[in-house]
Amino acid sequence: MMHAAGPYLLASILVGLGLYGILARRNAVLVLVGAELLLAGGSLLLVTAGALGGDRTWSGQVLTLFVITIAAAEVVIALAVIVAAYRRRGSIDLAEDAS
């Protein structure tokens, strides 16, 4: 049986870095990376809770597969929006005016 402190600590570090990336960055790509770190931390928590809880239906692992699928679709759409904004404005800085 594995110890819970390691995965929970890693998940909290991933979530903290993701929040920092979303709140403190102005670059749209770095904000997207922060969102992906948040999703990775949540996925790690789901898998850890499923493994430690003795769940026979593997719901933590199945939910993680759904999170990975949704994250892949989110990345594709977000990168398309970022590329379109860069072509229109010439910059992907979120704090810059759209004029």
C-alpha atoms as a PDB file:
ATOM      1  CA  MET A   1       0.000   0.000   0.000  1.00  0.00           C
ATOM      2  CA  MET A   2       1.360   3.399  -0.909  1.00  0.00           C
ATOM      3  CA  HIS A   3       1.631   6.333   1.431  1.00  0.00           C
ATOM      4  CA  ALA A   4      -0.722   9.247   0.706  1.00  0.00           C
ATOM      5  CA  ALA A   5       1.610  12.123   1.601  1.00  0.00           C
ATOM      6  CA  GLY A   6       3.702  12.027  -1.592  1.00  0.00           C
ATOM      7  CA  PRO A   7       0.939  12.250  -4.193  1.00  0.00           C
ATOM      8  CA  TYR A   8      -1.050  14.751  -2.127  1.00  0.00           C
ATOM      9  CA  LEU A   9       2.032  16.951  -1.720  1.00  0.00           C
ATOM     10  CA  LEU A  10       2.784  16.773  -5.443  1.00  0.00           C
ATOM     11  CA  ALA A  11      -0.838  17.576  -6.304  1.00  0.00           C
ATOM     12  CA  SER A  12      -0.821  20.591  -3.983  1.00  0.00           C
ATOM     13  CA  ILE A  13       2.423  21.829  -5.572  1.00  0.00           C
ATOM     14  CA  LEU A  14       0.908  21.438  -9.051  1.00  0.00           C
ATOM     15  CA  VAL A  15      -2.248  23.287  -8.042  1.00  0.00           C
ATOM     16  CA  GLY A  16      -0.227  26.063  -6.392  1.00  0.00           C
ATOM     17  CA  LEU A  17       1.967  26.509  -9.462  1.00  0.00           C
ATOM     18  CA  GLY A  18      -1.119  26.479 -11.674  1.00  0.00           C
ATOM     19  CA  LEU A  19      -2.826  29.172  -9.617  1.00  0.00           C
ATOM     20  CA  TYR A  20       0.322  31.270  -9.694  1.00  0.00           C
ATOM     21  CA  GLY A  21       0.539  30.826 -13.449  1.00  0.00           C
ATOM     22  CA  ILE A  22      -3.048  31.935 -13.940  1.00  0.00           C
ATOM     23  CA  LEU A  23      -3.066  34.859 -11.510  1.00  0.00           C
ATOM     24  CA  ALA A  24       0.404  36.334 -11.942  1.00  0.00           C
ATOM     25  CA  ARG A  25       1.118  35.941 -15.659  1.00  0.00           C
ATOM     26  CA  ARG A  26       0.104  38.226 -18.496  1.00  0.00           C
ATOM     27  CA  ASN A  27       1.118  35.990 -21.375  1.00  0.00           C
ATOM     28  CA  ALA A  28      -1.836  33.967 -22.708  1.00  0.00           C
ATOM     29  CA  VAL A  29       0.252  30.847 -23.310  1.00  0.00           C
ATOM     30  CA  LEU A  30       1.558  30.868 -19.734  1.00  0.00           C
ATOM     31  CA  VAL A  31      -1.983  31.275 -18.414  1.00  0.00           C
ATOM     32  CA  LEU A  32      -2.930  28.218 -20.481  1.00  0.00           C
ATOM     33  CA  VAL A  33       0.002  26.285 -19.004  1.00  0.00           C
ATOM     34  CA  GLY A  34      -1.213  27.289 -15.525  1.00  0.00           C
ATOM     35  CA  ALA A  35      -4.677  25.917 -16.309  1.00  0.00           C
ATOM     36  CA  GLU A  36      -3.119  22.667 -17.471  1.00  0.00           C
ATOM     37  CA  LEU A  37      -1.147  22.409 -14.224  1.00  0.00           C
ATOM     38  CA  LEU A  38      -4.397  22.826 -12.300  1.00  0.00           C
ATOM     39  CA  LEU A  39      -5.959  20.018 -14.301  1.00  0.00           C
ATOM     40  CA  ALA A  40      -2.917  17.808 -13.734  1.00  0.00           C
ATOM     41  CA  GLY A  41      -3.114  18.385  -9.981  1.00  0.00           C
ATOM     42  CA  GLY A  42      -6.811  17.534  -9.962  1.00  0.00           C
ATOM     43  CA  SER A  43      -6.185  14.395 -11.998  1.00  0.00           C
ATOM     44  CA  LEU A  44      -3.467  13.299  -9.609  1.00  0.00           C
ATOM     45  CA  LEU A  45      -5.845  13.779  -6.688  1.00  0.00           C
ATOM     46  CA  LEU A  46      -8.517  11.702  -8.429  1.00  0.00           C
ATOM     47  CA  VAL A  47      -6.139   8.838  -9.157  1.00  0.00           C
ATOM     48  CA  THR A  48      -4.658   8.918  -5.651  1.00  0.00           C
ATOM     49  CA  ALA A  49      -8.059   8.957  -3.981  1.00  0.00           C
ATOM     50  CA  GLY A  50      -9.193   6.079  -6.177  1.00  0.00           C
ATOM     51  CA  ALA A  51      -6.081   4.038  -5.435  1.00  0.00           C
ATOM     52  CA  LEU A  52      -6.108   4.652  -1.683  1.00  0.00           C
ATOM     53  CA  GLY A  53      -9.861   4.383  -1.202  1.00  0.00           C
ATOM     54  CA  GLY A  54     -10.159   0.801  -2.378  1.00  0.00           C
ATOM     55  CA  ASP A  55     -12.690   1.749  -5.050  1.00  0.00           C
ATOM     56  CA  ARG A  56     -13.607  -1.356  -7.052  1.00  0.00           C
ATOM     57  CA  THR A  57     -15.247   0.625  -9.881  1.00  0.00           C
ATOM     58  CA  TRP A  58     -12.074   2.590 -10.699  1.00  0.00           C
ATOM     59  CA  SER A  59     -14.053   5.823 -10.752  1.00  0.00           C
ATOM     60  CA  GLY A  60     -11.001   7.989  -9.977  1.00  0.00           C
ATOM     61  CA  GLN A  61      -9.106   6.605 -12.937  1.00  0.00           C
ATOM     62  CA  VAL A  62     -12.122   6.850 -15.249  1.00  0.00           C
ATOM     63  CA  LEU A  63     -12.767  10.456 -14.244  1.00  0.00           C
ATOM     64  CA  THR A  64      -9.103  11.195 -14.904  1.00  0.00           C
ATOM     65  CA  LEU A  65      -9.491   9.914 -18.458  1.00  0.00           C
ATOM     66  CA  PHE A  66     -12.414  12.305 -18.910  1.00  0.00           C
ATOM     67  CA  VAL A  67     -10.316  15.176 -17.527  1.00  0.00           C
ATOM     68  CA  ILE A  68      -7.489  14.341 -19.949  1.00  0.00           C
ATOM     69  CA  THR A  69      -9.927  14.301 -22.875  1.00  0.00           C
ATOM     70  CA  ILE A  70     -11.490  17.611 -21.909  1.00  0.00           C
ATOM     71  CA  ALA A  71      -8.038  19.149 -21.328  1.00  0.00           C
ATOM     72  CA  ALA A  72      -6.911  18.104 -24.807  1.00  0.00           C
ATOM     73  CA  ALA A  73      -9.973  19.731 -26.380  1.00  0.00           C
ATOM     74  CA  GLU A  74      -9.469  22.834 -24.237  1.00  0.00           C
ATOM     75  CA  VAL A  75      -5.858  23.186 -25.335  1.00  0.00           C
ATOM     76  CA  VAL A  76      -6.767  22.963 -29.006  1.00  0.00           C
ATOM     77  CA  ILE A  77      -9.478  25.605 -28.733  1.00  0.00           C
ATOM     78  CA  ALA A  78      -7.404  27.903 -26.525  1.00  0.00           C
ATOM     79  CA  LEU A  79      -4.382  27.742 -28.806  1.00  0.00           C
ATOM     80  CA  ALA A  80      -6.598  28.509 -31.806  1.00  0.00           C
ATOM     81  CA  VAL A  81      -7.946  31.581 -30.003  1.00  0.00           C
ATOM     82  CA  ILE A  82      -4.416  32.651 -29.013  1.00  0.00           C
ATOM     83  CA  VAL A  83      -3.154  32.318 -32.599  1.00  0.00           C
ATOM     84  CA  ALA A  84      -6.149  34.301 -33.896  1.00  0.00           C
ATOM     85  CA  ALA A  85      -5.548  37.024 -31.284  1.00  0.00           C
ATOM     86  CA  TYR A  86      -1.853  37.166 -32.189  1.00  0.00           C
ATOM     87  CA  ARG A  87      -2.643  37.549 -35.882  1.00  0.00           C
ATOM     88  CA  ARG A  88      -5.125  40.321 -35.151  1.00  0.00           C
ATOM     89  CA  ARG A  89      -3.245  42.257 -32.448  1.00  0.00           C
ATOM     90  CA  GLY A  90       0.370  41.231 -32.964  1.00  0.00           C
ATOM     91  CA  SER A  91       0.757  40.319 -29.289  1.00  0.00           C
ATOM     92  CA  ILE A  92      -0.578  37.745 -26.844  1.00  0.00           C
ATOM     93  CA  ASP A  93      -0.146  39.952 -23.781  1.00  0.00           C
ATOM     94  CA  LEU A  94      -3.396  39.839 -21.814  1.00  0.00           C
ATOM     95  CA  ALA A  95      -2.857  43.199 -20.121  1.00  0.00           C
ATOM     96  CA  GLU A  96      -2.445  45.083 -23.395  1.00  0.00           C
ATOM     97  CA  ASP A  97      -5.327  47.124 -24.813  1.00  0.00           C
ATOM     98  CA  ALA A  98      -7.147  45.680 -27.804  1.00  0.00           C
ATOM     99  CA  SER A  99      -6.975  48.923 -29.780  1.00  0.00           C
END
